[in-house]
Protein backbone atom coordinates (compact mmCIF):
# COMPACT_ATOMS: atom_id res chain seq x y z
CA MET A 1 124.99 -256.45 125.35
CA PRO A 2 122.88 -253.82 127.13
CA THR A 3 119.21 -253.54 126.22
CA LEU A 4 116.90 -250.53 125.92
CA SER A 5 115.29 -251.42 129.24
CA PRO A 6 114.31 -249.15 132.17
CA LYS A 7 117.96 -249.44 133.37
CA LEU A 8 120.84 -249.18 130.90
CA GLU A 9 123.47 -251.64 132.04
CA LEU A 10 126.94 -250.31 131.18
CA GLU A 11 130.25 -251.20 132.80
CA ARG A 12 130.95 -247.51 133.49
CA CYS A 13 129.21 -244.17 133.11
CA PRO A 14 130.64 -242.40 130.02
CA HIS A 15 130.59 -239.11 131.96
CA CYS A 16 131.94 -239.85 135.47
CA ASN A 17 133.31 -243.37 134.85
CA VAL A 18 131.74 -244.75 138.03
CA ALA A 19 131.59 -248.56 137.82
CA LYS A 20 128.20 -250.24 137.31
CA PRO A 21 126.33 -246.92 137.10
CA ASN A 22 122.65 -246.56 137.93
CA LEU A 23 121.42 -245.27 134.54
CA THR A 24 117.64 -244.82 134.68
CA ARG A 25 115.51 -244.27 131.58
CA GLN A 26 113.94 -240.81 131.55
CA HIS A 27 112.27 -240.65 128.15
CA PHE A 28 112.04 -242.55 124.84
CA PHE A 29 110.69 -241.96 121.32
CA ASP A 30 110.74 -243.50 117.83
CA THR A 31 112.30 -242.15 114.63
CA ARG A 32 112.47 -243.08 110.94
CA SER A 33 114.34 -241.74 107.94
CA HIS A 34 112.65 -239.26 105.57
CA THR A 35 111.65 -242.23 103.39
CA GLY A 36 110.04 -244.03 106.31
CA GLU A 37 112.85 -246.55 106.60
CA ASN A 38 115.43 -247.32 109.31
CA PRO A 39 113.03 -247.34 112.27
CA ARG A 40 114.73 -246.86 115.63
CA THR A 41 113.77 -246.29 119.23
CA TRP A 42 115.82 -243.82 121.25
CA ALA A 43 116.00 -243.51 125.02
CA PHE A 44 117.60 -241.03 127.41
CA TYR A 45 119.20 -242.31 130.63
CA ALA A 46 120.38 -240.23 133.59
CA CYS A 47 123.30 -241.29 135.82
CA SER A 48 122.31 -241.11 139.49
CA THR A 49 125.94 -240.37 140.46
CA CYS A 50 126.87 -237.44 138.21
CA GLY A 51 123.58 -236.51 136.53
CA GLY A 52 125.07 -237.04 133.07
CA VAL A 53 122.73 -238.14 130.28
CA VAL A 54 123.37 -241.11 127.98
CA THR A 55 121.45 -241.57 124.72
CA ALA A 56 120.97 -245.10 123.40
CA SER A 57 119.17 -246.56 120.37
CA SER A 58 117.71 -249.93 119.35
CA VAL A 59 115.04 -251.44 117.09
CA SER A 60 112.54 -251.27 119.97
CA LEU A 61 112.27 -251.04 123.73
CA ASN A 62 113.94 -253.91 125.62
CA SER A 63 115.95 -254.93 122.53
CA GLY A 64 119.74 -254.95 122.26
CA VAL A 65 121.33 -251.50 122.05
CA PHE A 66 122.87 -250.56 118.67
CA GLN A 67 124.93 -247.70 120.02
CA PHE A 68 125.08 -245.20 122.86
CA PHE A 69 126.38 -241.66 123.21
CA PRO A 70 128.79 -240.58 124.51
CA GLY A 71 130.76 -243.75 123.89
CA SER A 72 133.21 -245.27 126.33
CA GLU A 73 136.63 -243.62 126.25
CA SER A 74 139.99 -245.37 126.20
CA VAL A 75 143.65 -244.33 126.11
CA ASP A 76 145.51 -244.88 122.84
CA GLU A 77 147.96 -247.79 122.77
CA ALA A 78 150.71 -245.40 121.62
CA VAL A 79 150.84 -243.93 125.14
CA PRO A 80 153.47 -245.85 127.17
CA LYS A 81 152.13 -248.64 129.37
CA THR A 82 152.67 -247.05 132.81
CA ALA A 83 151.31 -243.65 131.77
CA ARG A 84 148.39 -245.35 130.02
CA ALA A 85 147.52 -247.29 133.18
CA TYR A 86 147.61 -244.17 135.36
CA LEU A 87 145.55 -242.15 132.87
CA THR A 88 142.98 -244.93 132.47
CA GLN A 89 142.59 -245.14 136.26
CA ALA A 90 142.29 -241.34 136.46
CA MET A 91 139.48 -241.38 133.89
CA GLN A 92 137.75 -244.14 135.84
CA SER A 93 138.08 -242.16 139.11
CA LEU A 94 136.50 -238.88 138.03
CA HIS A 95 133.80 -239.39 140.66
CA ALA A 96 136.62 -239.29 143.29
CA PRO A 97 138.34 -236.02 142.24
CA ALA A 98 141.28 -236.01 144.70
CA GLY A 99 142.34 -239.46 143.58
CA ALA A 100 141.75 -238.64 139.91
CA VAL A 101 144.03 -235.57 140.14
CA MET A 102 146.85 -237.59 141.70
CA LEU A 103 146.48 -240.31 139.06
CA ALA A 104 146.47 -237.75 136.23
CA ALA A 105 149.62 -236.15 137.68
CA SER A 106 151.21 -239.61 137.88
CA ALA A 107 150.35 -240.15 134.21
CA VAL A 108 152.02 -236.85 133.27
CA ASP A 109 155.02 -237.77 135.43
CA ALA A 110 155.34 -241.15 133.67
CA MET A 111 155.12 -239.52 130.22
CA LEU A 112 157.90 -237.06 131.07
CA LYS A 113 160.10 -239.82 132.47
CA GLU A 114 159.56 -241.76 129.23
CA LYS A 115 161.19 -238.77 127.48
CA ASN A 116 163.98 -238.78 130.09
CA TYR A 117 162.76 -235.76 132.10
CA LYS A 118 163.34 -237.23 135.54
CA THR A 119 164.77 -234.53 137.82
CA GLY A 120 162.96 -231.66 139.50
CA ASN A 121 159.28 -231.24 140.26
CA LEU A 122 156.54 -231.84 137.74
CA TYR A 123 156.23 -228.23 136.58
CA SER A 124 159.99 -227.69 136.18
CA ARG A 125 160.19 -230.79 134.00
CA ILE A 126 157.24 -229.58 131.92
CA GLU A 127 159.02 -226.22 131.46
CA LYS A 128 162.21 -228.01 130.41
CA ALA A 129 160.29 -230.12 127.89
CA ALA A 130 158.82 -226.90 126.46
CA SER A 131 162.23 -225.18 126.30
CA GLU A 132 163.57 -228.16 124.33
CA HIS A 133 160.48 -228.12 122.03
CA VAL A 134 159.25 -231.55 123.08
CA ILE A 135 155.96 -229.82 123.88
CA THR A 136 154.74 -226.33 123.01
CA ASP A 137 154.99 -223.26 125.22
CA ASP A 138 151.20 -223.12 125.31
CA MET A 139 151.05 -226.63 126.72
CA ALA A 140 153.44 -225.59 129.49
CA LYS A 141 151.19 -222.60 130.23
CA TRP A 142 148.17 -224.90 130.25
CA ALA A 143 149.87 -227.09 132.85
CA HIS A 144 149.97 -224.13 135.22
CA GLU A 145 146.23 -223.60 134.77
CA VAL A 146 145.33 -227.03 136.14
CA ARG A 147 145.82 -228.43 139.64
CA LEU A 148 148.39 -231.13 138.94
CA ASP A 149 150.17 -230.19 142.17
CA ALA A 150 146.96 -230.12 144.25
CA ASN A 151 148.22 -232.87 146.57
CA ASP A 152 151.46 -230.95 147.27
CA GLN A 153 149.46 -227.79 147.93
CA ARG A 154 147.36 -229.55 150.55
CA HIS A 155 150.48 -230.77 152.34
CA ALA A 156 151.87 -227.24 152.37
CA ASP A 157 148.59 -225.53 153.23
CA GLU A 158 146.20 -227.40 155.49
CA THR A 159 143.41 -224.94 154.62
CA ALA A 160 143.65 -225.71 150.89
CA GLN A 161 140.39 -227.04 149.47
CA LEU A 162 140.09 -230.50 147.99
CA PRO A 163 139.97 -230.67 144.18
CA THR A 164 136.54 -230.61 142.60
CA GLU A 165 135.32 -232.85 139.79
CA MET A 166 135.97 -229.95 137.42
CA ASP A 167 139.57 -229.70 138.69
CA ALA A 168 139.99 -233.43 138.06
CA LYS A 169 138.53 -233.17 134.55
CA LYS A 170 140.94 -230.35 133.70
CA CYS A 171 143.91 -232.43 134.89
CA ILE A 172 142.73 -235.45 132.91
CA ASP A 173 142.16 -233.34 129.78
CA PHE A 174 145.71 -231.99 130.08
CA ALA A 175 147.17 -235.48 130.56
CA LYS A 176 145.23 -236.78 127.55
CA ALA A 177 146.41 -233.87 125.39
CA LEU A 178 150.00 -234.37 126.53
CA GLY A 179 149.84 -238.05 125.62
CA GLU A 180 148.31 -237.18 122.25
CA PHE A 181 151.03 -234.62 121.47
CA MET A 182 154.04 -236.57 122.77
CA PHE A 183 153.15 -240.10 121.68
CA VAL A 184 149.93 -240.56 119.69
CA LEU A 185 150.48 -237.99 116.93
CA PRO A 186 154.15 -238.96 116.34
CA SER A 187 153.04 -242.59 116.13
CA ARG A 188 150.39 -241.74 113.53
CA VAL A 189 152.90 -239.70 111.53
CA GLN A 190 155.37 -242.61 111.50
CA ARG A 191 152.62 -245.01 110.40
CA GLY A 192 151.62 -242.56 107.65
CA ILE A 193 155.21 -242.25 106.43
CA ALA A 194 155.66 -246.02 106.46
CA GLU A 195 152.43 -246.51 104.52
CA ALA A 196 153.34 -243.82 101.97
CA THR A 197 156.83 -245.30 101.54
CA LYS A 198 155.31 -248.75 101.01
CA GLN A 199 152.86 -247.44 98.40
CA ASN A 200 155.62 -245.58 96.54
CA SER A 201 158.07 -248.47 96.53
CA PRO A 202 159.09 -249.80 93.07
CA SER A 203 157.48 -253.20 93.75
CA GLN A 204 154.18 -251.59 94.72
CA GLN A 205 154.26 -249.22 91.74
CA LYS A 206 154.85 -252.22 89.48
CA LYS A 207 151.77 -253.93 90.92
CA LEU A 208 149.64 -250.85 90.20
CA LYS A 209 150.62 -250.78 86.53
């Protein structure tokens, strides 16, 4: 467990996902509720890699951290294993944008293949998925706004610039949204239907009476 010490020891920065980040305390202060209860100490930490700020709280300085913001992000288990692995690695590589873009594109590729879209380039398969209403037209348009094909562009044009961290974040955001739409939401709907069916079953209704 990390402590509210001069260095906040997290496995990864919640902003850039760099491993073992150098998070240095910049400021701290104490708070209480309006009734004078629930005393807490808050501290702000800055990542030396990306400059992102993490807020953490505890009962006092140098004590175990209750919680920190933003929290660590993970990929939902409903996303297929291969796509989930690529997307997780992309999120962990945000500090290396070129690699993060390629990993995000690989995640999108794996998601499309899971739905049996296997022929053609990435964008043509996204368009086909939209035409068959597997994803929305707006999602297909969004795909063209991000640099999922940045690696191909660099092979075709040697003067093309490397992706920036912002380019990588846009690609990762698209991949996360695609996974949410194609796998996570349908999974939640199925769980909701199953739960509702269970609650409305004659045996369950009999128990409630």
